[in-house]
Amino acid sequence: MKRLVILVLAIPLMGAGDCNVDPVSTSGVTKASVQVQTGPDGMTIEQRNVSNRLRADNKPGSIKHLYVISPYSGDVIVYSTVRGKVTSGNKRLTPKALDISAVTPVIRGPGYEFHSAEMIGDDGTYGESGDYLFWWDAKGVYHQHYLTGGQIVHVSDQPLAVKAVIINMEQSHP
């Protein structure tokens, strides 16, 4: 008769106070650190850029211009205005995974409460960038564009001067 032997190893877990150990590579190089200067608003340039992008992306009534450019010919394949902003296809208003053991409630409703380990993003949505973009143009028409085949997607708040556009979404509807 075979017996099952279970070996339990006690591995000490580092406490919060033990996290000050810098990583060291096999060659002996340690983690470098740098002091980053902040502006009078207390933000770094990177933080200010993200903050300004979020404000610009959510400015009511803003219009942007979307260009899909062939990396092979440089031709503008698709042009469209964008009302507001272009959004990635994997963005959601709710977390993908719920966890009943999490501490922070994410969604509450009448008679229920859900928890999630997934954090809400700066733009108020959940999810990573996806394989397609979607937007509404200046006339309110919905567009969805799948990113395949080596495209260059450019979005600007000002129109670009281009020689020609193969598909002009602005001329495809009244």
Protein backbone atom coordinates (compact mmCIF):
# COMPACT_ATOMS: atom_id res chain seq x y z
CA MET A 1 0.00 0.00 0.00
CA LYS A 2 1.35 3.39 -1.04
CA ARG A 3 1.30 6.26 1.37
CA LEU A 4 1.01 9.84 0.30
CA VAL A 5 3.58 12.06 1.93
CA ILE A 6 2.97 15.77 1.91
CA LEU A 7 5.97 17.95 2.53
CA VAL A 8 5.20 21.38 3.87
CA LEU A 9 7.90 24.00 3.71
CA ALA A 10 7.66 27.04 5.88
CA ILE A 11 8.74 30.03 3.81
CA PRO A 12 9.01 33.22 5.80
CA LEU A 13 7.13 36.07 4.19
CA MET A 14 8.76 39.45 4.16
CA GLY A 15 6.89 42.03 6.15
CA ALA A 16 6.24 45.54 4.90
CA GLY A 17 9.36 46.74 6.73
CA ASP A 18 11.59 44.27 4.86
CA CYS A 19 10.79 45.68 1.39
CA ASN A 20 13.70 48.13 1.38
CA VAL A 21 16.08 45.59 -0.15
CA ASP A 22 17.23 46.70 -3.60
CA PRO A 23 17.45 44.01 -6.28
CA VAL A 24 20.93 42.91 -7.37
CA SER A 25 21.73 41.34 -10.75
CA THR A 26 23.97 38.29 -11.07
CA SER A 27 26.77 40.63 -12.17
CA GLY A 28 26.43 42.61 -8.94
CA VAL A 29 24.72 45.68 -10.40
CA THR A 30 22.14 47.18 -8.06
CA LYS A 31 18.97 49.10 -8.84
CA ALA A 32 19.59 52.75 -9.61
CA SER A 33 17.37 55.54 -8.39
CA VAL A 34 17.03 59.17 -9.32
CA GLN A 35 15.45 62.21 -7.72
CA VAL A 36 12.82 63.64 -10.09
CA GLN A 37 12.03 67.32 -9.83
CA THR A 38 8.39 68.34 -9.72
CA GLY A 39 6.82 71.60 -10.82
CA PRO A 40 5.02 74.15 -8.68
CA ASP A 41 1.86 72.03 -9.02
CA GLY A 42 3.66 69.07 -7.37
CA MET A 43 3.56 66.97 -10.56
CA THR A 44 6.34 65.60 -12.75
CA ILE A 45 6.26 66.36 -16.47
CA GLU A 46 4.97 62.82 -17.12
CA GLN A 47 2.16 63.26 -14.60
CA ARG A 48 1.27 66.65 -16.10
CA ASN A 49 1.21 65.15 -19.63
CA VAL A 50 -1.18 62.39 -18.50
CA SER A 51 -3.32 64.92 -16.62
CA ASN A 52 -3.49 67.22 -19.67
CA ARG A 53 -4.32 64.29 -21.97
CA LEU A 54 -7.19 63.20 -19.69
CA ARG A 55 -8.53 66.77 -19.64
CA ALA A 56 -8.23 67.10 -23.45
CA ASP A 57 -9.80 63.66 -24.04
CA ASN A 58 -12.79 64.58 -21.90
CA LYS A 59 -13.31 68.17 -23.06
CA PRO A 60 -17.01 68.47 -24.00
CA GLY A 61 -17.51 69.23 -27.70
CA SER A 62 -13.92 68.50 -28.74
CA ILE A 63 -13.27 67.25 -32.28
CA LYS A 64 -10.16 65.31 -33.27
CA HIS A 65 -8.93 63.93 -36.60
CA LEU A 66 -8.07 60.26 -37.16
CA TYR A 67 -5.75 59.10 -39.93
CA VAL A 68 -4.91 55.48 -40.76
CA ILE A 69 -1.64 55.54 -42.70
CA SER A 70 -0.07 52.72 -44.70
CA PRO A 71 3.49 52.12 -43.45
CA TYR A 72 4.36 50.77 -46.91
CA SER A 73 3.24 53.66 -49.14
CA GLY A 74 2.62 56.49 -46.69
CA ASP A 75 -0.88 56.85 -48.14
CA VAL A 76 -3.69 57.92 -45.85
CA ILE A 77 -6.03 54.94 -46.10
CA VAL A 78 -8.80 56.24 -43.82
CA TYR A 79 -9.64 59.72 -42.54
CA SER A 80 -12.35 60.58 -40.05
CA THR A 81 -13.22 63.26 -37.57
CA VAL A 82 -13.59 62.02 -34.00
CA ARG A 83 -16.11 63.45 -31.60
CA GLY A 84 -14.46 63.39 -28.17
CA LYS A 85 -11.83 60.65 -28.39
CA VAL A 86 -10.90 57.31 -29.91
CA THR A 87 -11.45 54.44 -27.46
CA SER A 88 -9.85 51.00 -27.35
CA GLY A 89 -12.13 48.03 -27.92
CA ASN A 90 -11.29 46.29 -24.63
CA LYS A 91 -12.42 49.16 -22.40
CA ARG A 92 -15.32 48.38 -20.05
CA LEU A 93 -17.38 50.09 -17.38
CA THR A 94 -17.14 47.10 -15.04
CA PRO A 95 -14.18 44.95 -13.95
CA LYS A 96 -13.57 41.70 -15.79
CA ALA A 97 -13.04 39.57 -12.68
CA LEU A 98 -14.86 39.80 -9.39
CA ASP A 99 -13.30 38.62 -6.15
CA ILE A 100 -15.41 38.01 -3.06
CA SER A 101 -12.29 38.07 -0.87
CA ALA A 102 -11.19 41.57 -1.94
CA VAL A 103 -11.41 44.37 0.57
CA THR A 104 -12.44 47.32 -1.58
CA PRO A 105 -15.97 47.31 -3.02
CA VAL A 106 -16.15 48.25 -6.66
CA ILE A 107 -19.79 47.86 -7.65
CA ARG A 108 -22.75 48.35 -5.36
CA GLY A 109 -26.42 48.01 -6.16
CA PRO A 110 -29.68 47.31 -4.41
CA GLY A 111 -29.10 44.15 -2.40
CA TYR A 112 -25.62 43.31 -3.71
CA GLU A 113 -21.99 44.29 -3.43
CA PHE A 114 -19.17 43.02 -5.66
CA HIS A 115 -15.43 43.29 -5.11
CA SER A 116 -12.57 43.21 -7.61
CA ALA A 117 -8.81 43.16 -7.52
CA GLU A 118 -8.87 45.07 -10.82
CA MET A 119 -8.34 48.81 -10.41
CA ILE A 120 -10.34 51.45 -12.24
CA GLY A 121 -8.20 53.51 -14.65
CA ASP A 122 -7.64 57.26 -14.68
CA ASP A 123 -10.27 57.58 -17.39
CA GLY A 124 -12.91 55.85 -15.25
CA THR A 125 -12.87 52.57 -17.20
CA TYR A 126 -11.49 49.07 -16.78
CA GLY A 127 -9.46 47.10 -19.31
CA GLU A 128 -6.37 47.30 -21.44
CA SER A 129 -5.99 48.59 -24.97
CA GLY A 130 -7.58 46.22 -27.44
CA ASP A 131 -7.25 45.16 -31.05
CA TYR A 132 -9.75 47.71 -32.28
CA LEU A 133 -10.64 51.36 -31.78
CA PHE A 134 -14.08 52.94 -31.81
CA TRP A 135 -15.32 56.49 -32.05
CA TRP A 136 -18.14 58.78 -33.14
CA ASP A 137 -17.36 61.30 -35.84
CA ALA A 138 -18.32 64.99 -35.79
CA LYS A 139 -21.71 64.12 -37.33
CA GLY A 140 -22.44 61.50 -34.66
CA VAL A 141 -21.76 58.41 -36.83
CA TYR A 142 -20.24 55.43 -35.00
CA HIS A 143 -17.03 53.86 -36.40
CA GLN A 144 -15.08 50.76 -35.36
CA HIS A 145 -11.62 50.06 -36.78
CA TYR A 146 -9.65 46.83 -36.30
CA LEU A 147 -5.88 47.24 -36.04
CA THR A 148 -4.35 44.68 -38.39
CA GLY A 149 -1.88 44.58 -41.25
CA GLY A 150 0.75 47.07 -40.12
CA GLN A 151 -1.25 50.28 -39.96
CA ILE A 152 -0.13 53.56 -38.48
CA VAL A 153 -3.00 55.22 -36.60
CA HIS A 154 -2.62 58.94 -35.92
CA VAL A 155 -5.11 61.02 -33.92
CA SER A 156 -4.74 64.79 -33.70
CA ASP A 157 -6.82 67.70 -32.48
CA GLN A 158 -5.89 69.56 -35.69
CA PRO A 159 -6.29 68.32 -39.29
CA LEU A 160 -3.13 67.25 -41.13
CA ALA A 161 -2.19 68.40 -44.62
CA VAL A 162 -2.14 65.14 -46.63
CA LYS A 163 -1.95 64.65 -50.41
CA ALA A 164 -4.88 62.27 -50.72
CA VAL A 165 -7.22 60.09 -48.70
CA ILE A 166 -8.34 56.72 -50.07
CA ILE A 167 -11.42 56.38 -47.79
CA ASN A 168 -12.83 59.60 -46.41
CA MET A 169 -15.40 58.78 -43.73
CA GLU A 170 -16.60 62.38 -43.80
CA GLN A 171 -17.87 61.98 -47.37
CA SER A 172 -19.52 58.60 -46.79
CA HIS A 173 -22.61 59.97 -45.02
CA PRO A 174 -24.69 63.16 -45.13
